[in-house]
C-alpha atoms as a PDB file:
ATOM      1  CA  MET A   1     108.326  80.788  44.576  1.00  0.00           C
ATOM      2  CA  ILE A   2     111.064  81.270  42.004  1.00  0.00           C
ATOM      3  CA  ALA A   3     112.697  77.957  42.965  1.00  0.00           C
ATOM      4  CA  ALA A   4     109.313  76.243  42.614  1.00  0.00           C
ATOM      5  CA  GLY A   5     108.893  77.731  39.144  1.00  0.00           C
ATOM      6  CA  VAL A   6     105.828  79.715  40.168  1.00  0.00           C
ATOM      7  CA  HIS A   7     107.295  83.069  39.198  1.00  0.00           C
ATOM      8  CA  PHE A   8     110.394  83.724  37.172  1.00  0.00           C
ATOM      9  CA  GLY A   9     110.248  87.524  37.504  1.00  0.00           C
ATOM     10  CA  HIS A  10     110.035  90.261  34.932  1.00  0.00           C
ATOM     11  CA  ARG A  11     112.565  92.781  33.765  1.00  0.00           C
ATOM     12  CA  PRO A  12     112.129  96.176  35.446  1.00  0.00           C
ATOM     13  CA  ASN A  13     111.273  97.845  32.132  1.00  0.00           C
ATOM     14  CA  GLU A  14     108.215  95.532  31.815  1.00  0.00           C
ATOM     15  CA  LEU A  15     106.650  96.706  35.082  1.00  0.00           C
ATOM     16  CA  CYS A  16     102.929  97.371  35.010  1.00  0.00           C
ATOM     17  CA  PRO A  17     102.356 100.243  37.506  1.00  0.00           C
ATOM     18  CA  ILE A  18      99.453  98.445  39.195  1.00  0.00           C
ATOM     19  CA  ASN A  19     101.927  95.748  40.339  1.00  0.00           C
ATOM     20  CA  SER A  20     104.275  98.212  42.063  1.00  0.00           C
ATOM     21  CA  PRO A  21     103.014  97.477  45.606  1.00  0.00           C
ATOM     22  CA  PHE A  22     104.068  93.838  45.189  1.00  0.00           C
ATOM     23  CA  ILE A  23     107.661  94.634  44.141  1.00  0.00           C
ATOM     24  CA  ILE A  24     110.185  94.962  46.978  1.00  0.00           C
ATOM     25  CA  GLY A  25     113.418  95.073  45.018  1.00  0.00           C
ATOM     26  CA  GLU A  26     115.446  93.971  42.055  1.00  0.00           C
ATOM     27  CA  ARG A  27     118.045  91.249  41.677  1.00  0.00           C
ATOM     28  CA  GLY A  28     119.747  89.759  38.665  1.00  0.00           C
ATOM     29  CA  GLY A  29     117.754  91.928  36.295  1.00  0.00           C
ATOM     30  CA  SER A  30     114.385  90.764  37.659  1.00  0.00           C
ATOM     31  CA  HIS A  31     111.969  92.236  40.145  1.00  0.00           C
ATOM     32  CA  ILE A  32     111.609  90.541  43.514  1.00  0.00           C
ATOM     33  CA  ILE A  33     108.018  90.178  44.664  1.00  0.00           C
ATOM     34  CA  ASP A  34     106.856  90.512  48.260  1.00  0.00           C
ATOM     35  CA  LEU A  35     105.955  86.915  49.175  1.00  0.00           C
ATOM     36  CA  SER A  36     104.092  87.795  52.371  1.00  0.00           C
ATOM     37  CA  LEU A  37     101.840  90.258  50.523  1.00  0.00           C
ATOM     38  CA  THR A  38     101.425  87.795  47.669  1.00  0.00           C
ATOM     39  CA  HIS A  39     100.443  85.045  50.134  1.00  0.00           C
ATOM     40  CA  TYR A  40      97.917  87.345  51.805  1.00  0.00           C
ATOM     41  CA  GLU A  41      96.328  88.318  48.476  1.00  0.00           C
ATOM     42  CA  LEU A  42      96.215  84.698  47.282  1.00  0.00           C
ATOM     43  CA  ARG A  43      94.403  83.696  50.485  1.00  0.00           C
ATOM     44  CA  ARG A  44      91.910  86.542  49.928  1.00  0.00           C
ATOM     45  CA  ALA A  45      91.358  85.321  46.376  1.00  0.00           C
ATOM     46  CA  LEU A  46      90.781  81.765  47.612  1.00  0.00           C
ATOM     47  CA  VAL A  47      88.176  82.948  50.140  1.00  0.00           C
ATOM     48  CA  PHE A  48      86.443  84.946  47.382  1.00  0.00           C
ATOM     49  CA  ILE A  49      86.447  81.986  44.979  1.00  0.00           C
ATOM     50  CA  HIS A  50      85.145  79.654  47.669  1.00  0.00           C
ATOM     51  CA  ALA A  51      82.252  82.029  48.468  1.00  0.00           C
ATOM     52  CA  LEU A  52      81.482  82.523  44.768  1.00  0.00           C
ATOM     53  CA  VAL A  53      81.330  78.779  44.076  1.00  0.00           C
ATOM     54  CA  LYS A  54      79.169  78.177  47.184  1.00  0.00           C
ATOM     55  CA  LYS A  55      76.665  80.692  45.752  1.00  0.00           C
ATOM     56  CA  GLY A  56      76.585  78.783  42.452  1.00  0.00           C
ATOM     57  CA  GLY A  57      79.012  81.014  40.560  1.00  0.00           C
ATOM     58  CA  SER A  58      81.498  79.775  37.995  1.00  0.00           C
ATOM     59  CA  VAL A  59      85.271  80.030  38.022  1.00  0.00           C
ATOM     60  CA  CYS A  60      87.764  78.832  35.456  1.00  0.00           C
ATOM     61  CA  PHE A  61      91.561  78.850  35.767  1.00  0.00           C
ATOM     62  CA  VAL A  62      93.954  78.692  32.844  1.00  0.00           C
ATOM     63  CA  ALA A  63      97.006  76.539  33.622  1.00  0.00           C
ATOM     64  CA  THR A  64      98.862  75.672  30.445  1.00  0.00           C
ATOM     65  CA  ASN A  65     101.753  74.111  32.352  1.00  0.00           C
ATOM     66  CA  PRO A  66     100.827  70.495  33.301  1.00  0.00           C
ATOM     67  CA  ASP A  67     102.628  70.727  36.659  1.00  0.00           C
ATOM     68  CA  VAL A  68     100.748  73.901  37.568  1.00  0.00           C
ATOM     69  CA  ALA A  69      97.445  72.320  36.456  1.00  0.00           C
ATOM     70  CA  ARG A  70      98.056  69.316  38.751  1.00  0.00           C
ATOM     71  CA  LEU A  71      99.060  71.576  41.659  1.00  0.00           C
ATOM     72  CA  LEU A  72      96.003  73.759  41.143  1.00  0.00           C
ATOM     73  CA  ALA A  73      93.731  70.716  40.906  1.00  0.00           C
ATOM     74  CA  GLY A  74      95.113  69.467  44.222  1.00  0.00           C
ATOM     75  CA  ILE A  75      94.551  72.806  45.948  1.00  0.00           C
ATOM     76  CA  LEU A  76      91.013  73.106  44.604  1.00  0.00           C
ATOM     77  CA  SER A  77      90.260  69.547  45.703  1.00  0.00           C
ATOM     78  CA  GLU A  78      91.642  70.270  49.173  1.00  0.00           C
ATOM     79  CA  TYR A  79      89.148  73.127  49.505  1.00  0.00           C
ATOM     80  CA  ASN A  80      86.278  71.057  48.026  1.00  0.00           C
ATOM     81  CA  LEU A  81      86.035  73.288  44.961  1.00  0.00           C
ATOM     82  CA  HIS A  82      85.368  70.427  42.550  1.00  0.00           C
ATOM     83  CA  SER A  83      83.172  72.536  40.280  1.00  0.00           C
ATOM     84  CA  VAL A  84      85.994  74.934  39.383  1.00  0.00           C
ATOM     85  CA  GLY A  85      87.323  74.396  35.861  1.00  0.00           C
ATOM     86  CA  ILE A  86      90.962  74.281  34.823  1.00  0.00           C
ATOM     87  CA  LEU A  87      91.747  74.916  31.191  1.00  0.00           C
ATOM     88  CA  THR A  88      94.939  73.273  30.014  1.00  0.00           C
ATOM     89  CA  ARG A  89      95.030  75.262  26.794  1.00  0.00           C
ATOM     90  CA  TRP A  90      94.712  79.001  26.211  1.00  0.00           C
ATOM     91  CA  PHE A  91      92.488  80.220  23.414  1.00  0.00           C
ATOM     92  CA  PRO A  92      93.094  83.701  21.947  1.00  0.00           C
ATOM     93  CA  GLY A  93      90.290  86.069  22.876  1.00  0.00           C
ATOM     94  CA  LEU A  94      89.096  83.811  25.683  1.00  0.00           C
ATOM     95  CA  LEU A  95      88.578  86.696  28.089  1.00  0.00           C
ATOM     96  CA  THR A  96      87.781  89.494  25.658  1.00  0.00           C
ATOM     97  CA  ASN A  97      85.742  87.918  22.890  1.00  0.00           C
ATOM     98  CA  TRP A  98      82.423  86.324  23.877  1.00  0.00           C
ATOM     99  CA  ASP A  99      82.066  84.596  20.517  1.00  0.00           C
ATOM    100  CA  THR A 100      85.324  82.783  21.255  1.00  0.00           C
ATOM    101  CA  VAL A 101      84.115  81.859  24.756  1.00  0.00           C
ATOM    102  CA  PHE A 102      80.880  80.341  23.479  1.00  0.00           C
ATOM    103  CA  GLU A 103      82.734  78.519  20.697  1.00  0.00           C
ATOM    104  CA  PHE A 104      85.090  77.113  23.324  1.00  0.00           C
ATOM    105  CA  VAL A 105      82.190  75.947  25.524  1.00  0.00           C
ATOM    106  CA  ASN A 106      80.743  74.073  22.557  1.00  0.00           C
ATOM    107  CA  ARG A 107      84.139  72.472  21.852  1.00  0.00           C
ATOM    108  CA  VAL A 108      84.457  71.345  25.485  1.00  0.00           C
ATOM    109  CA  LYS A 109      81.007  69.775  25.331  1.00  0.00           C
ATOM    110  CA  GLN A 110      82.246  67.716  22.369  1.00  0.00           C
ATOM    111  CA  ASP A 111      85.705  66.997  23.867  1.00  0.00           C
ATOM    112  CA  PRO A 112      85.741  67.174  27.696  1.00  0.00           C
ATOM    113  CA  THR A 113      89.454  66.241  27.761  1.00  0.00           C
ATOM    114  CA  MET A 114      90.199  69.889  26.958  1.00  0.00           C
ATOM    115  CA  ILE A 115      89.567  70.579  30.647  1.00  0.00           C
ATOM    116  CA  CYS A 116      91.684  68.954  33.328  1.00  0.00           C
ATOM    117  CA  SER A 117      89.721  66.921  35.857  1.00  0.00           C
ATOM    118  CA  VAL A 118      89.854  68.383  39.358  1.00  0.00           C
ATOM    119  CA  LYS A 119      88.845  65.168  41.139  1.00  0.00           C
END
């Protein structure tokens, strides 16, 4: 994952305690994550997202890196999750401030290019 640029690691002093189960060691001043556990949890998340979308729920990913956005779009397409949104730009307060969320939705309605196409 590090070679693919998916995760560059964090310094040990930046560890959030909730992430401890995913850390199996330290090397070069960065934590090493447990890839098998990470893979398992990512698969669980994918199953959850798939079920949520099938029930009519909404999901939106934030992928500010163009390569990650393309990779994510490909994965979502592979699993027929065409209704899942991918934001290519992060807006401050997007997850914590509903006024910002609604303002963003209105902006996207005016400029759909703000969201990467999944198809």
